[in-house]
Amino acid sequence: MQTKRAANQGLTLPFRALRRLREAGIFARAGVSLEYQQLAKRYVVRGVESGGAIDNLGHYVTFCGEDGMPLAWLQPLDGIGVNGVHALVVAPVLVRVEMFRRGQTYDVLIARFEPGPRANGRRPALQATTIFHGAEGYLAVDLVKRQRDRRGLEIPTFYSRAGELSPIASQFEPVVRAVTAGANCVPCLHSHYLCAPGAAAAAATVISRLPLPDAKDNFAARQAEDGGTGP
């Protein structure tokens, strides 16, 4: 893990990508904020699950716990249009998962946020720790049209600059599957990982019981499905 101030703002996207997202009406709010709860007398982190997709472009942000498990939203949010805000979450510690898709190429950033130490009664800083950063990953499956039924089951494959496989930690695979689904949801009107308080506990139980295949196994399986011609 690596601590970076830049992690607070999310993925660094080129101007052309930001312009295309605006033109497409895709609004994903990556920024998080540090808030103070008067009654509990503690600092918490606030985030908004948001985003969506069009055919060849997607941008999605969601949140989970430190162990990758689903969190209960504070409340759902209604946007003015599609591909916008979906739900608000507040917690002492948040892990944000952000994904940007152009075609079948993906970037993902997983970052952990928590209040820093307090010194002399001053307001603490918001500490951001990068857990995983994958650039130019690839997913051969078309989750927008031909294989929509695979949403929530697929995850892109990421490599280092040297061409070595960069696996995502197994505890975060469920949330990355969800954010991949969100970045392919056309148009998106609902939350893909944050859920109602009662449903969050049930979802965490189900996910904790699911066998999570190794990233290398996922890659080998895709090659077999593609007849050995996959990336």
C-alpha atoms as a PDB file:
ATOM      1  CA  MET A   1       0.000   0.000   0.000  1.00  0.00           C
ATOM      2  CA  GLN A   2       1.071   3.542  -0.615  1.00  0.00           C
ATOM      3  CA  THR A   3      -0.265   6.734   0.926  1.00  0.00           C
ATOM      4  CA  LYS A   4      -0.904   9.546  -1.564  1.00  0.00           C
ATOM      5  CA  ARG A   5      -2.770  12.827  -1.317  1.00  0.00           C
ATOM      6  CA  ALA A   6      -3.804  12.374  -4.953  1.00  0.00           C
ATOM      7  CA  ALA A   7      -5.852   9.313  -3.988  1.00  0.00           C
ATOM      8  CA  ASN A   8      -8.447  11.631  -2.432  1.00  0.00           C
ATOM      9  CA  GLN A   9      -9.476  12.985  -5.837  1.00  0.00           C
ATOM     10  CA  GLY A  10      -9.566   9.615  -7.583  1.00  0.00           C
ATOM     11  CA  LEU A  11      -8.304   8.585 -10.991  1.00  0.00           C
ATOM     12  CA  THR A  12      -6.418  11.203 -12.967  1.00  0.00           C
ATOM     13  CA  LEU A  13      -8.275  11.334 -16.274  1.00  0.00           C
ATOM     14  CA  PRO A  14      -7.133  13.284 -19.341  1.00  0.00           C
ATOM     15  CA  PHE A  15      -9.085  16.357 -20.377  1.00  0.00           C
ATOM     16  CA  ARG A  16     -10.548  14.603 -23.417  1.00  0.00           C
ATOM     17  CA  ALA A  17     -11.933  11.834 -21.204  1.00  0.00           C
ATOM     18  CA  LEU A  18     -13.481  14.341 -18.801  1.00  0.00           C
ATOM     19  CA  ARG A  19     -15.031  16.211 -21.702  1.00  0.00           C
ATOM     20  CA  ARG A  20     -16.483  13.014 -23.184  1.00  0.00           C
ATOM     21  CA  LEU A  21     -17.956  12.063 -19.796  1.00  0.00           C
ATOM     22  CA  ARG A  22     -19.621  15.473 -19.533  1.00  0.00           C
ATOM     23  CA  GLU A  23     -20.968  15.224 -23.078  1.00  0.00           C
ATOM     24  CA  ALA A  24     -22.296  11.718 -22.356  1.00  0.00           C
ATOM     25  CA  GLY A  25     -23.981  12.879 -19.133  1.00  0.00           C
ATOM     26  CA  ILE A  26     -22.021  10.468 -16.910  1.00  0.00           C
ATOM     27  CA  PHE A  27     -21.437  11.911 -13.451  1.00  0.00           C
ATOM     28  CA  ALA A  28     -19.280   9.924 -10.993  1.00  0.00           C
ATOM     29  CA  ARG A  29     -18.353  11.732  -7.788  1.00  0.00           C
ATOM     30  CA  ALA A  30     -14.960  10.380  -6.703  1.00  0.00           C
ATOM     31  CA  GLY A  31     -14.199  12.955  -4.010  1.00  0.00           C
ATOM     32  CA  VAL A  32     -14.738  12.062  -0.350  1.00  0.00           C
ATOM     33  CA  SER A  33     -14.931  14.369   2.653  1.00  0.00           C
ATOM     34  CA  LEU A  34     -14.232  14.314   6.375  1.00  0.00           C
ATOM     35  CA  GLU A  35     -17.272  15.192   8.515  1.00  0.00           C
ATOM     36  CA  TYR A  36     -17.867  15.569  12.254  1.00  0.00           C
ATOM     37  CA  GLN A  37     -20.769  13.900  14.061  1.00  0.00           C
ATOM     38  CA  GLN A  38     -21.861  16.141  16.919  1.00  0.00           C
ATOM     39  CA  LEU A  39     -23.782  13.497  18.879  1.00  0.00           C
ATOM     40  CA  ALA A  40     -21.203  10.723  18.547  1.00  0.00           C
ATOM     41  CA  LYS A  41     -18.335  13.231  18.839  1.00  0.00           C
ATOM     42  CA  ARG A  42     -16.276  11.557  16.147  1.00  0.00           C
ATOM     43  CA  TYR A  43     -15.063  12.165  12.625  1.00  0.00           C
ATOM     44  CA  VAL A  44     -16.413  10.071   9.759  1.00  0.00           C
ATOM     45  CA  VAL A  45     -15.816   9.807   6.021  1.00  0.00           C
ATOM     46  CA  ARG A  46     -18.591  10.668   3.568  1.00  0.00           C
ATOM     47  CA  GLY A  47     -18.880   9.360   0.010  1.00  0.00           C
ATOM     48  CA  VAL A  48     -21.460   9.072  -2.773  1.00  0.00           C
ATOM     49  CA  GLU A  49     -21.916   6.023  -4.997  1.00  0.00           C
ATOM     50  CA  SER A  50     -22.442   7.375  -8.484  1.00  0.00           C
ATOM     51  CA  GLY A  51     -21.856   6.925 -12.201  1.00  0.00           C
ATOM     52  CA  GLY A  52     -23.008   4.832 -15.111  1.00  0.00           C
ATOM     53  CA  ALA A  53     -22.277   4.233 -18.772  1.00  0.00           C
ATOM     54  CA  ILE A  54     -23.078   4.595 -22.439  1.00  0.00           C
ATOM     55  CA  ASP A  55     -22.122   2.035 -25.087  1.00  0.00           C
ATOM     56  CA  ASN A  56     -18.383   2.726 -25.271  1.00  0.00           C
ATOM     57  CA  LEU A  57     -17.749   4.756 -22.114  1.00  0.00           C
ATOM     58  CA  GLY A  58     -18.298   4.239 -18.395  1.00  0.00           C
ATOM     59  CA  HIS A  59     -17.266   5.768 -15.070  1.00  0.00           C
ATOM     60  CA  TYR A  60     -18.399   4.438 -11.703  1.00  0.00           C
ATOM     61  CA  VAL A  61     -17.586   4.962  -8.031  1.00  0.00           C
ATOM     62  CA  THR A  62     -18.703   2.841  -5.088  1.00  0.00           C
ATOM     63  CA  PHE A  63     -17.613   2.122  -1.511  1.00  0.00           C
ATOM     64  CA  CYS A  64     -17.067  -0.850   0.774  1.00  0.00           C
ATOM     65  CA  GLY A  65     -15.683  -1.730   4.182  1.00  0.00           C
ATOM     66  CA  GLU A  66     -12.036  -2.426   4.960  1.00  0.00           C
ATOM     67  CA  ASP A  67     -12.664  -6.126   4.311  1.00  0.00           C
ATOM     68  CA  GLY A  68     -14.396  -5.469   0.991  1.00  0.00           C
ATOM     69  CA  MET A  69     -17.847  -6.262   2.373  1.00  0.00           C
ATOM     70  CA  PRO A  70     -20.937  -4.223   1.361  1.00  0.00           C
ATOM     71  CA  LEU A  71     -21.882  -1.219   3.491  1.00  0.00           C
ATOM     72  CA  ALA A  72     -25.344   0.060   4.284  1.00  0.00           C
ATOM     73  CA  TRP A  73     -26.151   3.393   2.721  1.00  0.00           C
ATOM     74  CA  LEU A  74     -27.212   6.323   4.856  1.00  0.00           C
ATOM     75  CA  GLN A  75     -29.873   6.983   2.258  1.00  0.00           C
ATOM     76  CA  PRO A  76     -30.458   6.426  -1.472  1.00  0.00           C
ATOM     77  CA  LEU A  77     -30.200   9.490  -3.711  1.00  0.00           C
ATOM     78  CA  ASP A  78     -32.351  10.458  -6.662  1.00  0.00           C
ATOM     79  CA  GLY A  79     -30.554  12.198  -9.486  1.00  0.00           C
ATOM     80  CA  ILE A  80     -31.965  14.601 -12.043  1.00  0.00           C
ATOM     81  CA  GLY A  81     -31.161  12.130 -14.822  1.00  0.00           C
ATOM     82  CA  VAL A  82     -29.505   8.764 -15.371  1.00  0.00           C
ATOM     83  CA  ASN A  83     -25.819   7.882 -14.787  1.00  0.00           C
ATOM     84  CA  GLY A  84     -25.567  10.149 -11.754  1.00  0.00           C
ATOM     85  CA  VAL A  85     -25.813   9.854  -7.972  1.00  0.00           C
ATOM     86  CA  HIS A  86     -27.250   6.683  -6.426  1.00  0.00           C
ATOM     87  CA  ALA A  87     -26.583   6.486  -2.664  1.00  0.00           C
ATOM     88  CA  LEU A  88     -24.871   8.297   0.208  1.00  0.00           C
ATOM     89  CA  VAL A  89     -22.630   6.487   2.707  1.00  0.00           C
ATOM     90  CA  VAL A  90     -20.994   7.639   5.952  1.00  0.00           C
ATOM     91  CA  ALA A  91     -18.578   5.496   7.982  1.00  0.00           C
ATOM     92  CA  PRO A  92     -15.503   5.832  10.233  1.00  0.00           C
ATOM     93  CA  VAL A  93     -13.430   4.202   7.464  1.00  0.00           C
ATOM     94  CA  LEU A  94     -14.317   3.924   3.781  1.00  0.00           C
ATOM     95  CA  VAL A  95     -12.697   2.067   0.909  1.00  0.00           C
ATOM     96  CA  ARG A  96     -13.501   3.708  -2.417  1.00  0.00           C
ATOM     97  CA  VAL A  97     -13.433   1.735  -5.658  1.00  0.00           C
ATOM     98  CA  GLU A  98     -13.430   3.827  -8.836  1.00  0.00           C
ATOM     99  CA  MET A  99     -13.427   2.521 -12.410  1.00  0.00           C
ATOM    100  CA  PHE A 100     -13.153   4.245 -15.779  1.00  0.00           C
ATOM    101  CA  ARG A 101     -13.956   2.302 -18.968  1.00  0.00           C
ATOM    102  CA  ARG A 102     -13.391   3.189 -22.608  1.00  0.00           C
ATOM    103  CA  GLY A 103     -14.534   0.358 -24.811  1.00  0.00           C
ATOM    104  CA  GLN A 104     -13.134  -2.798 -23.227  1.00  0.00           C
ATOM    105  CA  THR A 105     -10.138  -1.102 -21.584  1.00  0.00           C
ATOM    106  CA  TYR A 106     -10.376  -0.312 -17.872  1.00  0.00           C
ATOM    107  CA  ASP A 107      -8.628   1.746 -15.187  1.00  0.00           C
ATOM    108  CA  VAL A 108      -9.366   1.087 -11.518  1.00  0.00           C
ATOM    109  CA  LEU A 109      -8.290   2.724  -8.268  1.00  0.00           C
ATOM    110  CA  ILE A 110      -8.973   1.269  -4.812  1.00  0.00           C
ATOM    111  CA  ALA A 111      -8.202   3.627  -1.937  1.00  0.00           C
ATOM    112  CA  ARG A 112      -8.821   3.601   1.830  1.00  0.00           C
ATOM    113  CA  PHE A 113      -9.876   6.746   3.717  1.00  0.00           C
ATOM    114  CA  GLU A 114      -9.921   7.470   7.435  1.00  0.00           C
ATOM    115  CA  PRO A 115      -9.480  10.417   9.814  1.00  0.00           C
ATOM    116  CA  GLY A 116      -5.866  11.050  10.729  1.00  0.00           C
ATOM    117  CA  PRO A 117      -4.593  11.576  14.285  1.00  0.00           C
ATOM    118  CA  ARG A 118      -5.732  14.672  16.134  1.00  0.00           C
ATOM    119  CA  ALA A 119      -3.069  17.032  17.433  1.00  0.00           C
ATOM    120  CA  ASN A 120      -3.800  19.679  20.081  1.00  0.00           C
ATOM    121  CA  GLY A 121      -7.539  19.327  19.533  1.00  0.00           C
ATOM    122  CA  ARG A 122      -7.291  20.385  15.892  1.00  0.00           C
ATOM    123  CA  ARG A 123      -9.364  18.931  13.114  1.00  0.00           C
ATOM    124  CA  PRO A 124      -7.548  15.847  11.735  1.00  0.00           C
ATOM    125  CA  ALA A 125      -6.502  15.461   8.137  1.00  0.00           C
ATOM    126  CA  LEU A 126      -8.191  12.955   5.870  1.00  0.00           C
ATOM    127  CA  GLN A 127      -5.721  10.122   5.316  1.00  0.00           C
ATOM    128  CA  ALA A 128      -5.817   8.390   1.918  1.00  0.00           C
ATOM    129  CA  THR A 129      -4.036   5.113   1.233  1.00  0.00           C
ATOM    130  CA  THR A 130      -3.861   3.590  -2.236  1.00  0.00           C
ATOM    131  CA  ILE A 131      -4.563  -0.151  -2.069  1.00  0.00           C
ATOM    132  CA  PHE A 132      -4.547  -0.973  -5.792  1.00  0.00           C
ATOM    133  CA  HIS A 133      -4.126   1.003  -8.993  1.00  0.00           C
ATOM    134  CA  GLY A 134      -4.608  -0.805 -12.284  1.00  0.00           C
ATOM    135  CA  ALA A 135      -4.217   0.960 -15.628  1.00  0.00           C
ATOM    136  CA  GLU A 136      -5.236  -0.238 -19.093  1.00  0.00           C
ATOM    137  CA  GLY A 137      -6.768  -3.499 -17.954  1.00  0.00           C
ATOM    138  CA  TYR A 138      -8.764  -5.536 -20.459  1.00  0.00           C
ATOM    139  CA  LEU A 139     -12.010  -7.485 -20.386  1.00  0.00           C
ATOM    140  CA  ALA A 140     -12.977  -9.412 -23.521  1.00  0.00           C
ATOM    141  CA  VAL A 141     -16.584  -9.876 -22.401  1.00  0.00           C
ATOM    142  CA  ASP A 142     -19.089  -7.347 -23.796  1.00  0.00           C
ATOM    143  CA  LEU A 143     -21.115  -6.459 -20.680  1.00  0.00           C
ATOM    144  CA  VAL A 144     -23.016  -3.638 -22.394  1.00  0.00           C
ATOM    145  CA  LYS A 145     -24.919  -5.618 -25.045  1.00  0.00           C
ATOM    146  CA  ARG A 146     -24.047  -9.198 -25.937  1.00  0.00           C
ATOM    147  CA  GLN A 147     -23.321 -10.571 -22.455  1.00  0.00           C
ATOM    148  CA  ARG A 148     -25.257  -8.370 -20.069  1.00  0.00           C
ATOM    149  CA  ASP A 149     -26.131 -11.437 -18.013  1.00  0.00           C
ATOM    150  CA  ARG A 150     -22.438 -11.602 -17.000  1.00  0.00           C
ATOM    151  CA  ARG A 151     -22.568  -8.272 -15.163  1.00  0.00           C
ATOM    152  CA  GLY A 152     -21.457  -8.736 -11.594  1.00  0.00           C
ATOM    153  CA  LEU A 153     -19.460 -11.851 -12.502  1.00  0.00           C
ATOM    154  CA  GLU A 154     -16.581 -10.456 -14.537  1.00  0.00           C
ATOM    155  CA  ILE A 155     -13.451  -8.553 -13.626  1.00  0.00           C
ATOM    156  CA  PRO A 156     -10.825  -6.992 -15.958  1.00  0.00           C
ATOM    157  CA  THR A 157      -7.298  -8.383 -16.108  1.00  0.00           C
ATOM    158  CA  PHE A 158      -4.516  -5.960 -15.155  1.00  0.00           C
ATOM    159  CA  TYR A 159      -0.781  -6.151 -15.797  1.00  0.00           C
ATOM    160  CA  SER A 160       2.249  -4.267 -14.551  1.00  0.00           C
ATOM    161  CA  ARG A 161       4.250  -2.172 -17.010  1.00  0.00           C
ATOM    162  CA  ALA A 162       6.604  -5.159 -17.268  1.00  0.00           C
ATOM    163  CA  GLY A 163       3.752  -7.409 -18.410  1.00  0.00           C
ATOM    164  CA  GLU A 164       3.301  -9.306 -15.145  1.00  0.00           C
ATOM    165  CA  LEU A 165      -0.173 -10.120 -13.878  1.00  0.00           C
ATOM    166  CA  SER A 166      -1.371  -7.675 -11.184  1.00  0.00           C
ATOM    167  CA  PRO A 167      -4.048  -9.536  -9.220  1.00  0.00           C
ATOM    168  CA  ILE A 168      -6.626  -7.724  -7.114  1.00  0.00           C
ATOM    169  CA  ALA A 169      -6.754  -8.902  -3.495  1.00  0.00           C
ATOM    170  CA  SER A 170      -9.454 -11.541  -3.123  1.00  0.00           C
ATOM    171  CA  GLN A 171     -11.430  -9.601  -0.499  1.00  0.00           C
ATOM    172  CA  PHE A 172     -11.962  -6.789  -2.991  1.00  0.00           C
ATOM    173  CA  GLU A 173     -12.982  -8.956  -5.960  1.00  0.00           C
ATOM    174  CA  PRO A 174     -16.745  -8.740  -5.172  1.00  0.00           C
ATOM    175  CA  VAL A 175     -16.732  -4.940  -5.082  1.00  0.00           C
ATOM    176  CA  VAL A 176     -14.591  -4.736  -8.238  1.00  0.00           C
ATOM    177  CA  ARG A 177     -17.080  -7.028  -9.972  1.00  0.00           C
ATOM    178  CA  ALA A 178     -19.836  -4.647  -8.868  1.00  0.00           C
ATOM    179  CA  VAL A 179     -18.022  -1.533 -10.044  1.00  0.00           C
ATOM    180  CA  THR A 180     -17.302  -3.257 -13.373  1.00  0.00           C
ATOM    181  CA  ALA A 181     -21.033  -3.855 -13.705  1.00  0.00           C
ATOM    182  CA  GLY A 182     -21.694  -0.193 -12.919  1.00  0.00           C
ATOM    183  CA  ALA A 183     -19.221   0.971 -15.561  1.00  0.00           C
ATOM    184  CA  ASN A 184     -21.217  -1.080 -18.104  1.00  0.00           C
ATOM    185  CA  CYS A 185     -24.740  -0.251 -16.887  1.00  0.00           C
ATOM    186  CA  VAL A 186     -26.592   1.621 -19.676  1.00  0.00           C
ATOM    187  CA  PRO A 187     -28.294   3.718 -18.416  1.00  0.00           C
ATOM    188  CA  CYS A 188     -27.634   3.393 -14.677  1.00  0.00           C
ATOM    189  CA  LEU A 189     -30.401   4.243 -12.219  1.00  0.00           C
ATOM    190  CA  HIS A 190     -29.449   2.240  -9.138  1.00  0.00           C
ATOM    191  CA  SER A 191     -26.676   1.419  -6.685  1.00  0.00           C
ATOM    192  CA  HIS A 192     -24.513  -1.617  -7.491  1.00  0.00           C
ATOM    193  CA  TYR A 193     -22.858  -2.236  -4.088  1.00  0.00           C
ATOM    194  CA  LEU A 194     -24.147   0.019  -1.325  1.00  0.00           C
ATOM    195  CA  CYS A 195     -27.510  -1.275  -0.139  1.00  0.00           C
ATOM    196  CA  ALA A 196     -30.281  -0.861   2.423  1.00  0.00           C
ATOM    197  CA  PRO A 197     -29.258  -1.548   6.063  1.00  0.00           C
ATOM    198  CA  GLY A 198     -30.985  -4.931   6.297  1.00  0.00           C
ATOM    199  CA  ALA A 199     -29.787  -6.041   2.892  1.00  0.00           C
ATOM    200  CA  ALA A 200     -26.161  -5.078   3.628  1.00  0.00           C
ATOM    201  CA  ALA A 201     -25.803  -7.700   6.356  1.00  0.00           C
ATOM    202  CA  ALA A 202     -27.426 -10.365   4.177  1.00  0.00           C
ATOM    203  CA  ALA A 203     -25.230  -9.476   1.182  1.00  0.00           C
ATOM    204  CA  ALA A 204     -22.081  -9.632   3.321  1.00  0.00           C
ATOM    205  CA  THR A 205     -23.060 -13.118   4.498  1.00  0.00           C
ATOM    206  CA  VAL A 206     -23.629 -14.341   0.954  1.00  0.00           C
ATOM    207  CA  ILE A 207     -20.392 -12.843  -0.378  1.00  0.00           C
ATOM    208  CA  SER A 208     -18.335 -14.240   2.502  1.00  0.00           C
ATOM    209  CA  ARG A 209     -19.497 -17.739   1.562  1.00  0.00           C
ATOM    210  CA  LEU A 210     -18.715 -17.449  -2.149  1.00  0.00           C
ATOM    211  CA  PRO A 211     -15.510 -19.129  -3.342  1.00  0.00           C
ATOM    212  CA  LEU A 212     -13.284 -16.504  -4.925  1.00  0.00           C
ATOM    213  CA  PRO A 213     -11.125 -17.958  -7.724  1.00  0.00           C
ATOM    214  CA  ASP A 214      -7.544 -16.907  -8.044  1.00  0.00           C
ATOM    215  CA  ALA A 215      -6.882 -14.149 -10.607  1.00  0.00           C
ATOM    216  CA  LYS A 216      -4.648 -16.509 -12.587  1.00  0.00           C
ATOM    217  CA  ASP A 217      -7.494 -19.020 -12.771  1.00  0.00           C
ATOM    218  CA  ASN A 218      -9.828 -16.293 -14.077  1.00  0.00           C
ATOM    219  CA  PHE A 219      -7.308 -15.410 -16.770  1.00  0.00           C
ATOM    220  CA  ALA A 220      -6.818 -19.046 -17.804  1.00  0.00           C
ATOM    221  CA  ALA A 221     -10.569 -19.599 -17.947  1.00  0.00           C
ATOM    222  CA  ARG A 222     -11.036 -16.603 -20.243  1.00  0.00           C
ATOM    223  CA  GLN A 223      -8.317 -17.857 -22.547  1.00  0.00           C
ATOM    224  CA  ALA A 224     -10.056 -21.217 -22.746  1.00  0.00           C
ATOM    225  CA  GLU A 225     -13.422 -19.550 -23.488  1.00  0.00           C
ATOM    226  CA  ASP A 226     -11.795 -17.493 -26.267  1.00  0.00           C
ATOM    227  CA  GLY A 227     -10.133 -20.546 -27.767  1.00  0.00           C
ATOM    228  CA  GLY A 228      -6.720 -19.451 -26.569  1.00  0.00           C
ATOM    229  CA  THR A 229      -6.863 -16.183 -28.524  1.00  0.00           C
ATOM    230  CA  GLY A 230      -7.676 -13.893 -25.615  1.00  0.00           C
ATOM    231  CA  PRO A 231      -5.298 -11.213 -24.374  1.00  0.00           C
END
